[in-house]
Amino acid sequence: MLQRKIDTCLQDYYKKSRNALLITGARQIGKTYSIRKFGESYKSFVEINFVEMPEAAAVIKSAKNGTASKKSRNDGLRCANHQELW
């Protein structure tokens, strides 16, 4: 398996926080693969793919606008190259 920088970033993030994390980036670089491999180390995890489930975006938008019952705090993740991963 190819070791990606995102793999280390995911491990570091979840050592510090259990908040949700939104991963974005260019196509075909291994985001989904890395997330799913990382999730295998847990008893359960939730993956929401906005490309495959565009209706899920409405739920997130309502939470962002404060119309959901509970707002959540977003913590950005900075990797070695100082790009924010959300």
Protein backbone atom coordinates (compact mmCIF):
# COMPACT_ATOMS: atom_id res chain seq x y z
CA MET A 1 0.00 0.00 0.00
CA LEU A 2 1.19 3.50 -0.81
CA GLN A 3 1.75 5.61 2.31
CA ARG A 4 0.07 9.00 1.93
CA LYS A 5 0.50 12.16 4.01
CA ILE A 6 -3.23 12.14 4.70
CA ASP A 7 -2.87 8.82 6.55
CA THR A 8 -0.61 10.40 9.17
CA CYS A 9 -2.80 13.51 9.34
CA LEU A 10 -5.90 11.40 10.04
CA GLN A 11 -4.16 9.50 12.82
CA ASP A 12 -2.85 12.71 14.39
CA TYR A 13 -6.25 14.42 14.17
CA TYR A 14 -8.12 11.61 15.89
CA LYS A 15 -5.55 11.36 18.65
CA LYS A 16 -6.48 14.96 19.56
CA SER A 17 -10.16 15.15 18.62
CA ARG A 18 -13.22 13.02 17.92
CA ASN A 19 -15.03 15.74 15.98
CA ALA A 20 -16.21 15.19 12.43
CA LEU A 21 -13.73 15.93 9.69
CA LEU A 22 -14.54 16.97 6.11
CA ILE A 23 -11.91 15.93 3.57
CA THR A 24 -11.78 17.78 0.24
CA GLY A 25 -9.27 17.83 -2.58
CA ALA A 26 -8.49 16.98 -6.16
CA ARG A 27 -10.04 13.96 -7.81
CA GLN A 28 -8.37 10.54 -7.90
CA ILE A 29 -5.72 11.13 -5.22
CA GLY A 30 -6.84 8.53 -2.69
CA LYS A 31 -9.08 10.47 -0.28
CA THR A 32 -11.81 7.81 -0.17
CA TYR A 33 -9.33 4.96 0.01
CA SER A 34 -7.44 6.56 2.91
CA ILE A 35 -10.64 7.31 4.83
CA ARG A 36 -11.95 3.77 4.42
CA LYS A 37 -8.62 2.19 5.40
CA PHE A 38 -8.46 4.45 8.46
CA GLY A 39 -12.04 3.50 9.37
CA GLU A 40 -11.17 -0.20 9.36
CA SER A 41 -9.24 0.30 12.60
CA TYR A 42 -12.48 1.22 14.44
CA LYS A 43 -15.46 -0.87 15.41
CA SER A 44 -17.67 1.54 13.48
CA PHE A 45 -17.32 4.78 11.54
CA VAL A 46 -19.53 6.96 9.35
CA GLU A 47 -18.62 8.04 5.84
CA ILE A 48 -20.84 10.58 4.11
CA ASN A 49 -19.93 10.99 0.45
CA PHE A 50 -21.53 14.17 -0.89
CA VAL A 51 -20.91 13.09 -4.48
CA GLU A 52 -22.79 9.82 -4.01
CA MET A 53 -25.38 11.35 -1.59
CA PRO A 54 -25.98 15.00 -2.58
CA GLU A 55 -29.09 15.13 -0.39
CA ALA A 56 -26.81 14.84 2.66
CA ALA A 57 -25.46 18.31 1.87
CA ALA A 58 -28.83 19.81 2.86
CA VAL A 59 -28.40 18.44 6.39
CA ILE A 60 -24.97 20.01 6.70
CA LYS A 61 -26.18 23.34 5.29
CA SER A 62 -29.02 23.45 7.80
CA ALA A 63 -26.57 22.81 10.64
CA LYS A 64 -24.26 25.53 9.32
CA ASN A 65 -27.13 28.02 9.16
CA GLY A 66 -28.14 27.24 12.73
CA THR A 67 -31.42 25.57 11.81
CA ALA A 68 -30.32 22.22 13.16
CA SER A 69 -30.99 21.43 16.80
CA LYS A 70 -27.32 21.52 17.80
CA LYS A 71 -24.36 23.34 16.27
CA SER A 72 -20.99 21.64 16.19
CA ARG A 73 -17.53 23.18 16.43
CA ASN A 74 -15.28 22.72 13.42
CA ASP A 75 -11.60 22.09 14.11
CA GLY A 76 -9.31 22.42 11.13
CA LEU A 77 -6.46 19.99 10.65
CA ARG A 78 -3.12 21.32 9.49
CA CYS A 79 -0.65 18.91 7.93
CA ALA A 80 3.04 19.32 7.37
CA ASN A 81 2.47 21.44 4.27
CA HIS A 82 0.16 23.74 6.29
CA GLN A 83 -2.87 23.15 4.10
CA GLU A 84 -6.12 22.96 6.00
CA LEU A 85 -8.05 19.72 5.72
CA TRP A 86 -11.69 20.05 6.66
